Amino acid sequence: MNQGTDIVYETFLQPLVMQYHPSIEARLQYLRANAGDILVFYLKNFTERGYDLFLRVMDYVRSQASRGSRTRVNKLSQPVYSPLQRLAFMC
């Protein structure tokens, strides 16, 4: 380190770190003690959201596939009528 960084550290950072040192240490101890629980919480949350997203994607794919197949079936199964035949059906 050079002299400028030493002055900045000793003047500003060191007093701030020393002021909050007990709460920083307490928070770190809490995180160390509960790291497994925190990891399990986030993994569970991630898997639930991932599963939900997967189901939404599959539902979207299914709806697109069924929409496409219905359109093809309807186009193939509908007979083609001339304008006069359509008019006859309306009467």
N, C-alpha and C. Protein backbone atom coordinates (compact mmCIF):
# COMPACT_ATOMS: atom_id res chain seq x y z
N MET A 1 0.85 -1.18 0.00
CA MET A 1 0.00 0.00 0.00
C MET A 1 0.89 1.24 0.00
N ASN A 2 0.37 2.27 -0.60
CA ASN A 2 1.13 3.51 -0.53
C ASN A 2 0.57 4.38 0.60
N GLN A 3 1.16 5.50 0.82
CA GLN A 3 0.81 6.34 1.96
C GLN A 3 -0.61 6.89 1.85
N GLY A 4 -1.08 7.21 0.62
CA GLY A 4 -2.43 7.76 0.44
C GLY A 4 -3.52 6.78 0.85
N THR A 5 -3.36 5.53 0.46
CA THR A 5 -4.36 4.53 0.83
C THR A 5 -4.34 4.25 2.33
N ASP A 6 -3.16 4.30 2.96
CA ASP A 6 -3.08 4.13 4.41
C ASP A 6 -3.86 5.24 5.12
N ILE A 7 -3.69 6.45 4.65
CA ILE A 7 -4.38 7.60 5.29
C ILE A 7 -5.89 7.46 5.13
N VAL A 8 -6.35 7.10 3.93
CA VAL A 8 -7.79 6.94 3.70
C VAL A 8 -8.33 5.82 4.57
N TYR A 9 -7.62 4.69 4.64
CA TYR A 9 -8.08 3.57 5.45
C TYR A 9 -8.14 3.95 6.92
N GLU A 10 -7.06 4.51 7.44
CA GLU A 10 -7.01 4.84 8.87
C GLU A 10 -7.97 5.96 9.24
N THR A 11 -8.24 6.87 8.31
CA THR A 11 -9.10 8.01 8.62
C THR A 11 -10.58 7.68 8.48
N PHE A 12 -10.94 6.95 7.43
CA PHE A 12 -12.36 6.74 7.14
C PHE A 12 -12.83 5.31 7.38
N LEU A 13 -12.16 4.36 6.81
CA LEU A 13 -12.65 2.99 6.84
C LEU A 13 -12.47 2.28 8.17
N GLN A 14 -11.32 2.42 8.77
CA GLN A 14 -11.07 1.71 10.03
C GLN A 14 -12.05 2.13 11.13
N PRO A 15 -12.31 3.43 11.34
CA PRO A 15 -13.30 3.79 12.38
C PRO A 15 -14.70 3.24 12.07
N LEU A 16 -15.07 3.23 10.80
CA LEU A 16 -16.39 2.73 10.42
C LEU A 16 -16.47 1.22 10.67
N VAL A 17 -15.44 0.49 10.28
CA VAL A 17 -15.43 -0.95 10.49
C VAL A 17 -15.42 -1.27 11.98
N MET A 18 -14.64 -0.54 12.75
CA MET A 18 -14.58 -0.79 14.19
C MET A 18 -15.91 -0.48 14.87
N GLN A 19 -16.62 0.52 14.37
CA GLN A 19 -17.91 0.88 14.96
C GLN A 19 -18.94 -0.24 14.77
N TYR A 20 -18.93 -0.86 13.60
CA TYR A 20 -19.92 -1.90 13.30
C TYR A 20 -19.36 -3.31 13.42
N HIS A 21 -18.17 -3.46 13.94
CA HIS A 21 -17.52 -4.76 14.05
C HIS A 21 -18.36 -5.80 14.80
N PRO A 22 -18.94 -5.46 15.96
CA PRO A 22 -19.73 -6.48 16.67
C PRO A 22 -20.94 -6.97 15.86
N SER A 23 -21.64 -6.05 15.20
CA SER A 23 -22.81 -6.49 14.44
C SER A 23 -22.40 -7.25 13.18
N ILE A 24 -21.27 -6.88 12.59
CA ILE A 24 -20.76 -7.62 11.43
C ILE A 24 -20.39 -9.04 11.84
N GLU A 25 -19.70 -9.18 12.96
CA GLU A 25 -19.31 -10.51 13.45
C GLU A 25 -20.54 -11.35 13.79
N ALA A 26 -21.52 -10.73 14.44
CA ALA A 26 -22.74 -11.47 14.79
C ALA A 26 -23.46 -11.96 13.54
N ARG A 27 -23.54 -11.12 12.52
CA ARG A 27 -24.20 -11.50 11.27
C ARG A 27 -23.45 -12.64 10.57
N LEU A 28 -22.11 -12.56 10.57
CA LEU A 28 -21.32 -13.62 9.96
C LEU A 28 -21.48 -14.94 10.70
N GLN A 29 -21.52 -14.91 12.02
CA GLN A 29 -21.73 -16.13 12.80
C GLN A 29 -23.11 -16.72 12.51
N TYR A 30 -24.12 -15.85 12.40
CA TYR A 30 -25.47 -16.32 12.08
C TYR A 30 -25.50 -16.99 10.71
N LEU A 31 -24.85 -16.36 9.73
CA LEU A 31 -24.82 -16.93 8.39
C LEU A 31 -24.06 -18.26 8.35
N ARG A 32 -22.96 -18.34 9.08
CA ARG A 32 -22.21 -19.60 9.14
C ARG A 32 -23.05 -20.70 9.78
N ALA A 33 -23.75 -20.37 10.86
CA ALA A 33 -24.54 -21.38 11.57
C ALA A 33 -25.74 -21.84 10.74
N ASN A 34 -26.32 -20.94 9.97
CA ASN A 34 -27.54 -21.26 9.24
C ASN A 34 -27.33 -21.40 7.73
N ALA A 35 -26.10 -21.57 7.30
CA ALA A 35 -25.82 -21.64 5.87
C ALA A 35 -26.55 -22.80 5.21
N GLY A 36 -26.60 -23.95 5.88
CA GLY A 36 -27.30 -25.10 5.32
C GLY A 36 -28.78 -24.83 5.16
N ASP A 37 -29.40 -24.25 6.19
CA ASP A 37 -30.82 -23.93 6.11
C ASP A 37 -31.11 -22.91 5.02
N ILE A 38 -30.24 -21.92 4.91
CA ILE A 38 -30.43 -20.89 3.88
C ILE A 38 -30.30 -21.51 2.50
N LEU A 39 -29.32 -22.39 2.32
CA LEU A 39 -29.12 -23.05 1.04
C LEU A 39 -30.33 -23.91 0.68
N VAL A 40 -30.85 -24.65 1.63
CA VAL A 40 -32.03 -25.48 1.39
C VAL A 40 -33.22 -24.61 1.02
N PHE A 41 -33.39 -23.48 1.72
CA PHE A 41 -34.50 -22.57 1.42
C PHE A 41 -34.43 -22.09 -0.02
N TYR A 42 -33.25 -21.62 -0.44
CA TYR A 42 -33.13 -21.09 -1.80
C TYR A 42 -33.24 -22.19 -2.86
N LEU A 43 -32.71 -23.37 -2.58
CA LEU A 43 -32.85 -24.48 -3.53
C LEU A 43 -34.31 -24.89 -3.68
N LYS A 44 -35.03 -24.95 -2.57
CA LYS A 44 -36.44 -25.31 -2.62
C LYS A 44 -37.22 -24.26 -3.40
N ASN A 45 -36.95 -22.99 -3.12
CA ASN A 45 -37.62 -21.91 -3.83
C ASN A 45 -37.32 -21.98 -5.32
N PHE A 46 -36.06 -22.22 -5.67
CA PHE A 46 -35.66 -22.31 -7.07
C PHE A 46 -36.34 -23.47 -7.77
N THR A 47 -36.39 -24.63 -7.11
CA THR A 47 -36.99 -25.79 -7.76
C THR A 47 -38.50 -25.61 -7.92
N GLU A 48 -39.17 -25.00 -6.94
CA GLU A 48 -40.60 -24.75 -7.07
C GLU A 48 -40.89 -23.81 -8.24
N ARG A 49 -40.12 -22.74 -8.33
CA ARG A 49 -40.33 -21.79 -9.44
C ARG A 49 -39.93 -22.43 -10.77
N GLY A 50 -38.89 -23.22 -10.78
CA GLY A 50 -38.49 -23.90 -12.01
C GLY A 50 -39.55 -24.89 -12.46
N TYR A 51 -40.13 -25.63 -11.52
CA TYR A 51 -41.18 -26.58 -11.85
C TYR A 51 -42.40 -25.85 -12.40
N ASP A 52 -42.78 -24.73 -11.77
CA ASP A 52 -43.90 -23.93 -12.24
C ASP A 52 -43.64 -23.40 -13.66
N LEU A 53 -42.44 -22.92 -13.90
CA LEU A 53 -42.08 -22.43 -15.23
C LEU A 53 -42.13 -23.57 -16.24
N PHE A 54 -41.63 -24.73 -15.88
CA PHE A 54 -41.67 -25.89 -16.77
C PHE A 54 -43.10 -26.25 -17.13
N LEU A 55 -44.01 -26.25 -16.15
CA LEU A 55 -45.40 -26.57 -16.42
C LEU A 55 -46.04 -25.53 -17.33
N ARG A 56 -45.72 -24.27 -17.13
CA ARG A 56 -46.26 -23.22 -18.01
C ARG A 56 -45.77 -23.40 -19.44
N VAL A 57 -44.50 -23.71 -19.60
CA VAL A 57 -43.96 -23.91 -20.95
C VAL A 57 -44.62 -25.12 -21.60
N MET A 58 -44.78 -26.20 -20.87
CA MET A 58 -45.41 -27.38 -21.43
C MET A 58 -46.87 -27.10 -21.79
N ASP A 59 -47.58 -26.33 -20.96
CA ASP A 59 -48.96 -25.96 -21.27
C ASP A 59 -49.02 -25.11 -22.53
N TYR A 60 -48.09 -24.19 -22.67
CA TYR A 60 -48.04 -23.35 -23.87
C TYR A 60 -47.78 -24.21 -25.11
N VAL A 61 -46.82 -25.12 -25.03
CA VAL A 61 -46.52 -25.99 -26.17
C VAL A 61 -47.72 -26.85 -26.52
N ARG A 62 -48.38 -27.38 -25.50
CA ARG A 62 -49.57 -28.21 -25.74
C ARG A 62 -50.67 -27.40 -26.40
N SER A 63 -50.90 -26.17 -25.95
CA SER A 63 -51.96 -25.35 -26.54
C SER A 63 -51.63 -24.98 -27.98
N GLN A 64 -50.35 -24.72 -28.26
CA GLN A 64 -49.96 -24.40 -29.63
C GLN A 64 -50.11 -25.62 -30.54
N ALA A 65 -49.77 -26.78 -30.03
CA ALA A 65 -49.89 -27.99 -30.82
C ALA A 65 -51.35 -28.33 -31.09
N SER A 66 -52.20 -28.18 -30.08
CA SER A 66 -53.61 -28.51 -30.27
C SER A 66 -54.29 -27.48 -31.17
N ARG A 67 -53.86 -26.23 -31.10
CA ARG A 67 -54.43 -25.21 -31.97
C ARG A 67 -54.05 -25.50 -33.42
N GLY A 68 -52.82 -25.86 -33.65
CA GLY A 68 -52.36 -26.17 -35.00
C GLY A 68 -53.04 -27.40 -35.57
N SER A 69 -53.22 -28.43 -34.78
CA SER A 69 -53.84 -29.66 -35.28
C SER A 69 -55.33 -29.45 -35.52
N ARG A 70 -56.00 -28.64 -34.70
CA ARG A 70 -57.41 -28.36 -34.93
C ARG A 70 -57.59 -27.59 -36.22
N THR A 71 -56.71 -26.66 -36.49
CA THR A 71 -56.81 -25.87 -37.71
C THR A 71 -56.66 -26.78 -38.92
N ARG A 72 -55.72 -27.69 -38.89
CA ARG A 72 -55.52 -28.60 -40.01
C ARG A 72 -56.71 -29.53 -40.18
N VAL A 73 -57.24 -30.04 -39.09
CA VAL A 73 -58.38 -30.95 -39.17
C VAL A 73 -59.58 -30.21 -39.73
N ASN A 74 -59.85 -28.99 -39.24
CA ASN A 74 -60.99 -28.23 -39.72
C ASN A 74 -60.85 -27.91 -41.20
N LYS A 75 -59.67 -27.55 -41.64
CA LYS A 75 -59.47 -27.23 -43.05
C LYS A 75 -59.70 -28.46 -43.92
N LEU A 76 -59.27 -29.61 -43.44
CA LEU A 76 -59.41 -30.82 -44.23
C LEU A 76 -60.83 -31.38 -44.18
N SER A 77 -61.53 -31.19 -43.08
CA SER A 77 -62.84 -31.82 -42.93
C SER A 77 -63.98 -30.96 -43.45
N GLN A 78 -63.78 -29.69 -43.68
CA GLN A 78 -64.86 -28.83 -44.16
C GLN A 78 -64.96 -28.92 -45.68
N PRO A 79 -66.14 -29.23 -46.18
CA PRO A 79 -66.31 -29.25 -47.63
C PRO A 79 -66.29 -27.84 -48.20
N VAL A 80 -65.95 -27.73 -49.44
CA VAL A 80 -65.89 -26.45 -50.11
C VAL A 80 -67.20 -26.26 -50.88
N TYR A 81 -67.94 -25.17 -50.55
CA TYR A 81 -69.21 -24.88 -51.20
C TYR A 81 -69.07 -23.66 -52.09
N SER A 82 -69.80 -23.66 -53.14
CA SER A 82 -69.84 -22.49 -54.02
C SER A 82 -70.73 -21.43 -53.37
N PRO A 83 -70.66 -20.18 -53.83
CA PRO A 83 -71.53 -19.14 -53.27
C PRO A 83 -73.01 -19.47 -53.38
N LEU A 84 -73.44 -20.14 -54.45
CA LEU A 84 -74.86 -20.50 -54.60
C LEU A 84 -75.27 -21.56 -53.58
N GLN A 85 -74.39 -22.49 -53.32
CA GLN A 85 -74.69 -23.52 -52.32
C GLN A 85 -74.78 -22.90 -50.93
N ARG A 86 -73.92 -21.97 -50.63
CA ARG A 86 -73.98 -21.29 -49.32
C ARG A 86 -75.29 -20.53 -49.18
N LEU A 87 -75.73 -19.87 -50.24
CA LEU A 87 -76.98 -19.12 -50.22
C LEU A 87 -78.15 -20.07 -49.99
N ALA A 88 -78.09 -21.25 -50.55
CA ALA A 88 -79.16 -22.25 -50.39
C ALA A 88 -79.24 -22.70 -48.93
N PHE A 89 -78.09 -22.80 -48.26
CA PHE A 89 -78.09 -23.21 -46.84
C PHE A 89 -78.70 -22.14 -45.96
N MET A 90 -78.56 -20.87 -46.32
CA MET A 90 -79.09 -19.77 -45.50
C MET A 90 -80.61 -19.73 -45.56
N CYS A 91 -81.22 -20.20 -46.60
CA CYS A 91 -82.69 -20.11 -46.75
C CYS A 91 -83.41 -21.19 -46.02
